[in-house]
Protein backbone atom coordinates (compact mmCIF):
# COMPACT_ATOMS: atom_id res chain seq x y z
CA UNK A 1 0.17 0.03 0.01
CA UNK A 2 1.13 3.39 -1.04
CA UNK A 3 1.68 6.17 1.82
CA UNK A 4 2.84 9.57 1.59
CA UNK A 5 5.91 8.55 3.64
CA UNK A 6 7.07 6.35 0.57
CA UNK A 7 8.11 9.61 -1.23
CA UNK A 8 11.56 10.93 -0.67
CA UNK A 9 11.09 12.04 2.87
CA UNK A 10 14.64 12.96 3.37
CA UNK A 11 14.47 15.50 0.52
CA UNK A 12 11.43 17.11 2.28
CA UNK A 13 12.84 18.34 5.56
CA UNK A 14 13.88 21.75 3.88
CA UNK A 15 10.40 22.06 2.35
CA UNK A 16 8.73 21.40 5.45
CA UNK A 17 10.70 23.99 7.61
CA UNK A 18 9.86 27.13 5.55
CA UNK A 19 8.53 30.12 7.29
CA UNK A 20 4.67 30.73 7.14
CA UNK A 21 3.23 31.83 3.91
CA UNK A 22 5.90 30.22 1.84
CA UNK A 23 4.42 26.91 0.88
CA UNK A 24 4.47 26.19 -2.99
CA UNK A 25 2.59 23.12 -3.90
CA UNK A 26 4.39 22.90 -7.26
CA UNK A 27 7.87 23.09 -5.57
CA UNK A 28 6.75 20.57 -3.01
CA UNK A 29 5.44 18.14 -5.55
CA UNK A 30 8.50 18.50 -7.60
CA UNK A 31 10.96 17.98 -4.66
CA UNK A 32 9.04 14.92 -3.17
CA UNK A 33 8.90 13.46 -6.52
CA UNK A 34 5.09 13.10 -6.56
CA UNK A 35 4.86 15.14 -9.85
CA UNK A 36 7.05 12.43 -11.57
CA UNK A 37 4.93 9.46 -10.30
CA UNK A 38 2.47 7.40 -12.27
CA UNK A 39 -1.22 8.28 -12.61
CA UNK A 40 -2.01 5.23 -10.10
CA UNK A 41 0.59 6.44 -7.47
CA UNK A 42 -0.85 9.94 -7.77
CA UNK A 43 -4.28 8.57 -7.11
CA UNK A 44 -2.90 6.41 -4.15
CA UNK A 45 -1.58 9.70 -2.74
CA UNK A 46 -4.92 11.17 -3.09
CA UNK A 47 -6.76 8.46 -1.05
CA UNK A 48 -4.04 8.79 1.61
CA UNK A 49 -4.56 12.62 1.98
CA UNK A 50 -8.31 12.01 2.02
CA UNK A 51 -8.41 11.39 5.58
CA UNK A 52 -12.29 11.05 5.96
CA UNK A 53 -12.52 8.94 2.84
CA UNK A 54 -15.07 11.17 1.42
CA UNK A 55 -13.57 10.98 -2.00
CA UNK A 56 -12.54 14.68 -1.83
CA UNK A 57 -9.87 16.44 -0.14
CA UNK A 58 -11.27 19.29 1.71
CA UNK A 59 -9.80 22.45 3.37
CA UNK A 60 -9.17 20.95 6.75
CA UNK A 61 -7.22 17.96 5.10
CA UNK A 62 -5.16 20.40 3.02
CA UNK A 63 -4.13 22.35 6.07
CA UNK A 64 -2.70 19.29 7.56
CA UNK A 65 -1.39 18.21 4.18
CA UNK A 66 2.23 18.34 5.14
CA UNK A 67 1.93 15.98 8.13
CA UNK A 68 0.81 13.23 5.78
CA UNK A 69 4.16 13.23 4.49
CA UNK A 70 6.28 13.82 7.60
CA UNK A 71 4.89 13.47 11.13
CA UNK A 72 5.39 16.73 13.22
CA UNK A 73 5.36 18.85 10.04
CA UNK A 74 3.81 22.24 10.41
CA UNK A 75 0.27 23.04 9.44
CA UNK A 76 -0.28 25.13 6.43
CA UNK A 77 -1.46 28.65 7.22
CA UNK A 78 -5.01 29.65 6.39
CA UNK A 79 -3.90 31.65 3.45
CA UNK A 80 -1.67 28.86 2.13
CA UNK A 81 -4.46 26.22 2.61
CA UNK A 82 -6.94 28.59 0.65
CA UNK A 83 -4.43 29.12 -2.13
CA UNK A 84 -3.70 25.32 -2.35
CA UNK A 85 -7.65 24.63 -2.47
CA UNK A 86 -8.24 27.49 -4.99
CA UNK A 87 -5.39 25.96 -7.25
CA UNK A 88 -6.85 22.64 -7.12
CA UNK A 89 -10.53 23.17 -7.12
CA UNK A 90 -11.40 23.63 -10.72
CA UNK A 91 -15.05 23.12 -10.58
CA UNK A 92 -15.62 25.49 -7.51
CA UNK A 93 -17.13 23.07 -5.23
CA UNK A 94 -14.91 23.75 -2.42
CA UNK A 95 -13.04 20.44 -2.49
CA UNK A 96 -10.43 18.77 -4.67
CA UNK A 97 -11.69 15.48 -6.36
CA UNK A 98 -9.34 12.60 -7.59
CA UNK A 99 -9.19 14.09 -11.13
CA UNK A 100 -8.64 17.67 -10.02
CA UNK A 101 -5.77 16.21 -7.80
CA UNK A 102 -4.15 14.59 -10.67
CA UNK A 103 -4.14 17.64 -12.74
CA UNK A 104 -2.84 19.78 -9.78
CA UNK A 105 0.04 17.40 -9.17
CA UNK A 106 1.12 17.43 -12.81
CA UNK A 107 0.66 21.21 -13.18
C-alpha cells in the first residue's frame, strides 16, 4: 500500500521547515517526486490525504497536508490552505476531487 511516507522524505525536510506563507505546492510536488509518479501512484496519494474517505480533499485535510508526508510537520496557514484549495478546485465545489488532484500534481 502506498503511503505519503514512501516519497523521498529525506529530501522534504527543507520544504517542511519554510516560514509561514511560503508553501508552494508545485515546488513541494517536484521536490518529493510526486509530480513524476505514475497516475496510479498519484491517485493512491490522493486517497492517503483524503483522511475522511469522502472522495474529496477538503480544506481541513489540506491544512494538515504536510503532516501526511512527515509526522510533526507544520500545518499550512489559512492563506496557504486557501491558495492550495483554489489552485486545485477547478469546478468550484470547495474541495479537490481525484481528477482535480491529478491535474494539480502534474501542473
